[in-house]
Protein backbone atom coordinates (compact mmCIF):
# COMPACT_ATOMS: atom_id res chain seq x y z
CA VAL A 1 93.55 155.42 62.64
CA GLU A 2 91.51 153.64 60.00
CA GLY A 3 93.94 151.66 57.84
CA PRO A 4 97.42 150.11 57.80
CA ILE A 5 99.01 152.93 55.77
CA ASP A 6 97.57 155.42 58.28
CA ALA A 7 99.09 153.38 61.13
CA ILE A 8 102.52 153.48 59.49
CA LYS A 9 102.34 157.27 59.17
CA ALA A 10 101.20 157.55 62.79
CA SER A 11 104.29 155.61 63.98
CA ASN A 12 102.67 153.91 66.97
CA GLY A 13 99.13 153.96 65.56
CA VAL A 14 96.66 151.12 65.63
CA ALA A 15 94.67 150.45 62.47
CA LEU A 16 90.99 149.78 62.99
CA LEU A 17 90.75 148.44 59.42
CA GLY A 18 87.81 150.71 58.87
CA SER A 19 86.29 153.07 61.37
CA THR A 20 84.58 150.63 63.69
CA LEU A 21 85.68 149.48 67.12
CA ARG A 22 83.48 147.38 69.35
CA GLU A 23 83.62 147.31 73.13
CA THR A 24 83.81 143.51 73.07
CA SER A 25 86.80 143.37 70.71
CA LYS A 26 90.21 142.27 71.97
CA LEU A 27 91.72 145.40 70.44
CA PHE A 28 89.44 147.67 72.46
CA GLN A 29 90.13 145.77 75.67
CA GLU A 30 93.91 145.85 75.12
CA ILE A 31 93.89 149.58 74.45
CA CYS A 32 91.94 150.13 77.67
CA LYS A 33 94.43 148.03 79.64
CA ARG A 34 97.55 149.69 78.26
CA LYS A 35 96.69 153.34 77.72
CA ASP A 36 95.34 156.25 79.67
CA LYS A 37 95.17 158.51 76.60
CA VAL A 38 93.77 157.69 73.20
CA PHE A 39 94.30 159.82 70.10
CA LEU A 40 91.76 159.33 67.32
CA ALA A 41 92.63 160.27 63.74
CA LEU A 42 89.75 159.07 61.61
CA ASP A 43 88.78 160.39 58.19
CA GLN A 44 86.47 163.38 58.19
CA ASP A 45 83.58 161.30 56.82
CA ALA A 46 83.66 159.16 59.97
CA GLU A 47 82.55 161.86 62.43
CA LYS A 48 79.66 159.83 63.86
CA LYS A 49 81.81 156.72 64.28
CA LYS A 50 84.58 158.78 65.87
CA ASN A 51 82.13 160.08 68.44
CA GLN A 52 80.87 156.55 69.18
CA ILE A 53 84.41 155.26 69.69
CA ALA A 54 85.32 158.27 71.84
CA LYS A 55 82.26 157.67 74.02
CA LEU A 56 83.29 154.04 74.58
CA PHE A 57 86.78 155.06 75.70
CA LEU A 58 85.39 157.81 77.92
CA ASN A 59 83.12 155.24 79.57
CA TYR A 60 86.29 153.31 80.48
CA GLY A 61 87.90 156.37 82.03
CA LEU A 62 90.43 157.10 79.29
CA ASP A 63 91.30 160.58 78.10
CA VAL A 64 90.38 160.89 74.43
CA TYR A 65 91.83 163.37 71.94
CA GLU A 66 91.04 164.08 68.31
CA ILE A 67 93.87 164.68 65.89
CA PRO A 68 92.60 167.11 63.25
CA ILE A 69 92.85 165.87 59.68
CA ASN A 70 91.90 169.31 58.28
CA ASN A 71 93.02 169.76 54.68
CA TYR A 72 94.36 166.24 54.30
CA GLU A 73 92.39 163.39 52.73
CA ASP A 74 93.42 161.07 55.56
CA VAL A 75 96.41 160.23 57.75
CA GLY A 76 97.95 158.18 54.93
CA SER A 77 98.21 161.30 52.77
CA MET A 78 100.35 163.05 55.41
CA SER A 79 104.05 162.68 56.00
CA LYS A 80 105.08 161.41 59.44
CA GLU A 81 106.19 164.95 60.28
CA GLN A 82 102.87 166.43 59.21
CA PHE A 83 101.04 163.86 61.34
CA GLN A 84 103.14 164.76 64.37
CA GLN A 85 102.39 168.45 63.79
CA GLN A 86 98.66 167.69 63.63
CA LYS A 87 98.94 165.60 66.80
CA LEU A 88 100.28 168.68 68.59
CA LEU A 89 97.01 170.40 67.63
CA SER A 90 94.87 167.65 69.20
CA LYS A 91 91.83 168.65 71.18
CA GLN A 92 90.38 166.67 74.03
CA ILE A 93 87.01 165.05 73.48
CA THR A 94 84.85 165.18 76.59
CA ALA A 95 81.36 163.93 77.42
CA ASP A 96 80.19 167.55 77.27
CA TYR A 97 81.66 167.91 73.77
CA LEU A 98 79.86 164.75 72.61
CA PHE A 99 76.57 165.95 74.11
CA TYR A 100 76.86 169.37 72.47
CA ASN A 101 77.86 167.80 69.16
CA LYS A 102 74.84 165.48 69.26
CA ILE A 103 72.43 168.33 70.05
CA SER A 104 73.88 170.64 67.41
CA ASN A 105 73.48 167.95 64.73
CA MET A 106 69.85 167.20 65.54
CA GLU A 107 67.32 168.19 62.92
CA LEU A 108 64.47 170.37 64.08
CA VAL A 109 61.03 169.04 63.23
């Protein structure tokens, strides 16, 4: 998730304090050591950054899922129960998904 309020709503969430996560960061390395699944719940305006973060985790062999924010402003605007419901609707992000997403967002010249 992006911020501390989002992390509280997500119960065991980790706040990125923004929407950036670098491969060299201790946080990234710890997540890779401790988890085999990662659930991303970033704001809808962070689609490109979400895909970059997902690609990093995929490169490390982790399963990555996207929790849909849908009609909510962000995770912080949800109740804990609403967040858990949205988590049940998570969809796996794969390398194929990222490739298709990149191609579909390309502008034709």
